[in-house]
């Protein structure tokens, strides 16, 4: 906990605009290089805002996060429309490899527009989802509407989570100290359950 508090103290020296730019960049880049955790950055930023900044600043933080998510995804959609499938299969880039492209196309064939709407739950595949969306028959403005709705909903959830953590950190910290082991196992169980649930609904080869 001491290390966390030290990190928190360091980040508390930043101005709100710094967090907004960091969140924007995190969401924009994660649509191209998915290991960058935009959602984690948003939760942490909202948490810090809940501790140190005014509630009004949340609107700007939320707006920057949504804008970054939309622009990053639409960039991949543009690339998908600009270049054909064979181009990306031959390049075989790490985050748009031939295996990912095949899996992404199966998802798109199976779920269609729902794939775009729920792109945020497919962590690690967002670049491919953007590409195959651009290669699909979906109009770019339909994709824009879907990804906007998705970003508005998912980012609001993560913002709320971060804010609640910030407003109730002392209580949460005391609970974590007492039930840390239980919390870890419960969280691990939820993650495993979510993975199994997603895999069960994967389209069959």
Protein backbone atom coordinates (compact mmCIF):
# COMPACT_ATOMS: atom_id res chain seq x y z
CA UNK A 1 0.00 0.00 0.00
CA UNK A 2 2.90 2.37 0.72
CA UNK A 3 4.14 2.05 -2.86
CA UNK A 4 0.65 2.74 -4.17
CA UNK A 5 0.32 5.83 -2.01
CA UNK A 6 3.72 7.05 -3.21
CA UNK A 7 2.66 6.63 -6.84
CA UNK A 8 -0.64 8.33 -6.10
CA UNK A 9 1.11 11.26 -4.47
CA UNK A 10 3.35 11.62 -7.52
CA UNK A 11 0.41 11.61 -9.94
CA UNK A 12 -1.57 14.01 -7.78
CA UNK A 13 0.90 16.73 -8.78
CA UNK A 14 -0.39 16.66 -12.37
CA UNK A 15 -3.00 19.08 -13.65
CA UNK A 16 -6.41 17.81 -14.92
CA UNK A 17 -5.45 18.55 -18.54
CA UNK A 18 -2.49 16.18 -18.22
CA UNK A 19 -4.80 13.33 -17.29
CA UNK A 20 -7.14 14.21 -20.12
CA UNK A 21 -4.33 14.05 -22.66
CA UNK A 22 -2.95 10.82 -21.20
CA UNK A 23 -6.38 9.18 -21.33
CA UNK A 24 -6.97 10.42 -24.89
CA UNK A 25 -3.62 9.03 -26.06
CA UNK A 26 -4.09 5.75 -24.17
CA UNK A 27 -7.45 5.10 -25.82
CA UNK A 28 -6.29 6.23 -29.24
CA UNK A 29 -3.14 4.10 -29.21
CA UNK A 30 -4.74 0.98 -27.69
CA UNK A 31 -6.82 0.64 -30.86
CA UNK A 32 -3.51 0.24 -32.73
CA UNK A 33 -1.31 -1.39 -30.05
CA UNK A 34 -3.75 -3.11 -27.64
CA UNK A 35 -1.33 -3.82 -24.76
CA UNK A 36 -1.70 -0.16 -23.75
CA UNK A 37 -4.54 -0.27 -21.16
CA UNK A 38 -6.81 2.68 -21.89
CA UNK A 39 -9.52 1.42 -19.53
CA UNK A 40 -7.04 1.08 -16.67
CA UNK A 41 -5.74 4.59 -17.30
CA UNK A 42 -9.30 5.94 -17.24
CA UNK A 43 -10.17 4.18 -13.98
CA UNK A 44 -7.01 5.48 -12.33
CA UNK A 45 -7.55 9.01 -13.65
CA UNK A 46 -11.18 9.05 -12.48
CA UNK A 47 -9.99 7.74 -9.12
CA UNK A 48 -7.49 10.61 -8.78
CA UNK A 49 -10.14 13.09 -9.90
CA UNK A 50 -12.45 11.75 -7.21
CA UNK A 51 -9.78 12.51 -4.62
CA UNK A 52 -8.33 15.82 -5.75
CA UNK A 53 -10.39 17.53 -8.47
CA UNK A 54 -13.83 19.01 -9.00
CA UNK A 55 -16.74 16.94 -10.27
CA UNK A 56 -17.00 19.27 -13.28
CA UNK A 57 -13.58 18.10 -14.48
CA UNK A 58 -15.03 14.60 -14.97
CA UNK A 59 -17.02 15.79 -17.97
CA UNK A 60 -13.84 16.81 -19.77
CA UNK A 61 -12.01 13.63 -18.78
CA UNK A 62 -14.95 11.58 -20.04
CA UNK A 63 -15.08 13.53 -23.30
CA UNK A 64 -11.36 13.10 -23.97
CA UNK A 65 -11.56 9.37 -23.29
CA UNK A 66 -14.52 8.89 -25.63
CA UNK A 67 -12.90 10.97 -28.36
CA UNK A 68 -9.66 8.98 -28.15
CA UNK A 69 -11.54 5.67 -28.34
CA UNK A 70 -13.57 6.78 -31.34
CA UNK A 71 -10.71 8.28 -33.33
CA UNK A 72 -8.41 5.32 -32.69
CA UNK A 73 -11.03 2.81 -33.81
CA UNK A 74 -12.04 4.84 -36.86
CA UNK A 75 -8.39 5.08 -37.93
CA UNK A 76 -8.31 1.28 -38.16
CA UNK A 77 -11.64 1.32 -40.00
CA UNK A 78 -10.15 3.74 -42.54
CA UNK A 79 -7.11 1.48 -43.00
CA UNK A 80 -9.42 -1.50 -43.44
CA UNK A 81 -11.32 0.31 -46.19
CA UNK A 82 -8.13 1.63 -47.78
CA UNK A 83 -6.27 -1.71 -47.97
CA UNK A 84 -7.65 -5.14 -48.76
CA UNK A 85 -7.48 -8.26 -46.62
CA UNK A 86 -4.55 -9.73 -48.54
CA UNK A 87 -2.39 -6.72 -47.69
CA UNK A 88 -2.66 -7.33 -43.94
CA UNK A 89 -2.38 -11.12 -44.25
CA UNK A 90 0.89 -10.74 -46.15
CA UNK A 91 2.26 -8.17 -43.70
CA UNK A 92 1.27 -10.44 -40.79
CA UNK A 93 1.77 -7.72 -38.19
CA UNK A 94 1.73 -8.77 -34.55
CA UNK A 95 -1.58 -7.07 -33.73
CA UNK A 96 -3.13 -7.78 -37.13
CA UNK A 97 -1.66 -11.20 -37.88
CA UNK A 98 -3.24 -13.62 -40.30
CA UNK A 99 -4.61 -15.68 -37.39
CA UNK A 100 -6.15 -12.59 -35.82
CA UNK A 101 -7.60 -11.54 -39.16
CA UNK A 102 -9.24 -14.93 -39.66
CA UNK A 103 -10.65 -14.90 -36.15
CA UNK A 104 -11.84 -11.32 -36.55
CA UNK A 105 -13.60 -12.17 -39.82
CA UNK A 106 -15.35 -15.12 -38.16
CA UNK A 107 -16.55 -12.86 -35.36
CA UNK A 108 -17.74 -10.28 -37.88
CA UNK A 109 -19.58 -12.87 -39.97
CA UNK A 110 -21.22 -14.25 -36.84
CA UNK A 111 -22.06 -11.05 -34.93
CA UNK A 112 -22.02 -8.34 -37.59
CA UNK A 113 -22.73 -4.86 -36.21
CA UNK A 114 -22.87 -6.28 -32.67
CA UNK A 115 -19.17 -6.96 -33.00
CA UNK A 116 -18.49 -3.26 -33.44
CA UNK A 117 -20.89 -2.30 -30.67
CA UNK A 118 -19.20 -4.68 -28.23
CA UNK A 119 -15.63 -4.21 -29.44
CA UNK A 120 -14.51 -3.10 -25.98
CA UNK A 121 -14.94 -6.58 -24.48
CA UNK A 122 -12.60 -8.15 -27.04
CA UNK A 123 -9.39 -6.86 -25.47
CA UNK A 124 -6.38 -7.46 -27.69
CA UNK A 125 -8.47 -7.74 -30.86
CA UNK A 126 -9.60 -4.13 -31.23
CA UNK A 127 -7.18 -3.32 -34.09
CA UNK A 128 -8.44 -6.32 -36.04
CA UNK A 129 -12.08 -5.51 -35.27
CA UNK A 130 -11.53 -2.03 -36.66
CA UNK A 131 -9.87 -3.42 -39.79
CA UNK A 132 -12.47 -6.08 -40.56
CA UNK A 133 -15.23 -3.54 -39.85
CA UNK A 134 -13.72 -1.33 -42.53
CA UNK A 135 -13.53 -4.29 -44.92
CA UNK A 136 -17.15 -5.27 -44.23
CA UNK A 137 -20.27 -3.99 -45.95
CA UNK A 138 -21.04 -1.68 -43.04
CA UNK A 139 -21.11 2.01 -43.95
CA UNK A 140 -18.50 4.14 -42.23
CA UNK A 141 -21.14 6.33 -40.59
CA UNK A 142 -22.93 3.25 -39.22
CA UNK A 143 -19.63 2.12 -37.72
CA UNK A 144 -19.07 5.60 -36.30
CA UNK A 145 -22.47 5.54 -34.59
CA UNK A 146 -21.88 2.06 -33.16
CA UNK A 147 -18.39 2.79 -31.83
CA UNK A 148 -19.60 6.10 -30.38
CA UNK A 149 -22.39 4.36 -28.45
CA UNK A 150 -19.95 1.68 -27.31
CA UNK A 151 -17.41 4.24 -26.11
CA UNK A 152 -20.03 6.35 -24.34
CA UNK A 153 -21.38 3.36 -22.41
CA UNK A 154 -18.17 1.53 -21.54
CA UNK A 155 -16.22 4.66 -20.64
CA UNK A 156 -19.05 5.84 -18.39
CA UNK A 157 -18.84 2.55 -16.49
CA UNK A 158 -15.09 2.86 -16.00
CA UNK A 159 -15.41 6.52 -15.04
CA UNK A 160 -18.01 5.64 -12.41
CA UNK A 161 -15.84 2.83 -11.08
CA UNK A 162 -12.84 5.13 -10.71
CA UNK A 163 -14.91 7.87 -9.10
CA UNK A 164 -16.48 5.49 -6.56
CA UNK A 165 -13.03 4.18 -5.70
CA UNK A 166 -11.75 7.70 -5.18
CA UNK A 167 -14.68 8.78 -3.03
CA UNK A 168 -14.59 5.66 -0.85
CA UNK A 169 -10.91 4.76 -0.84
CA UNK A 170 -10.45 4.68 2.94
CA UNK A 171 -13.30 2.17 3.30
CA UNK A 172 -12.09 0.11 0.34
CA UNK A 173 -8.52 0.12 1.64
CA UNK A 174 -9.59 -1.15 5.04
CA UNK A 175 -11.63 -3.93 3.40
CA UNK A 176 -8.74 -4.93 1.15
CA UNK A 177 -6.42 -5.17 4.15
CA UNK A 178 -8.79 -7.56 5.91
CA UNK A 179 -10.00 -9.59 2.97
CA UNK A 180 -7.20 -9.29 0.42
CA UNK A 181 -6.84 -13.03 -0.13
CA UNK A 182 -10.58 -13.51 -0.58
CA UNK A 183 -10.72 -10.52 -2.93
CA UNK A 184 -7.93 -11.88 -5.11
CA UNK A 185 -9.58 -15.30 -5.42
CA UNK A 186 -12.99 -13.76 -6.08
CA UNK A 187 -11.55 -11.51 -8.80
CA UNK A 188 -9.68 -14.44 -10.36
CA UNK A 189 -12.90 -16.45 -10.35
CA UNK A 190 -14.81 -13.68 -12.09
CA UNK A 191 -12.08 -13.36 -14.75
CA UNK A 192 -12.10 -17.11 -15.43
CA UNK A 193 -15.92 -17.11 -15.60
CA UNK A 194 -15.90 -14.20 -18.08
CA UNK A 195 -13.30 -15.91 -20.29
CA UNK A 196 -15.29 -19.16 -20.35
CA UNK A 197 -18.47 -17.25 -21.13
CA UNK A 198 -16.84 -15.46 -24.08
CA UNK A 199 -15.23 -18.65 -25.41
CA UNK A 200 -18.58 -20.48 -25.23
CA UNK A 201 -20.09 -17.91 -27.59
CA UNK A 202 -17.18 -17.91 -30.04
CA UNK A 203 -18.27 -18.82 -33.59
CA UNK A 204 -17.46 -22.38 -34.55
CA UNK A 205 -14.74 -22.97 -37.11
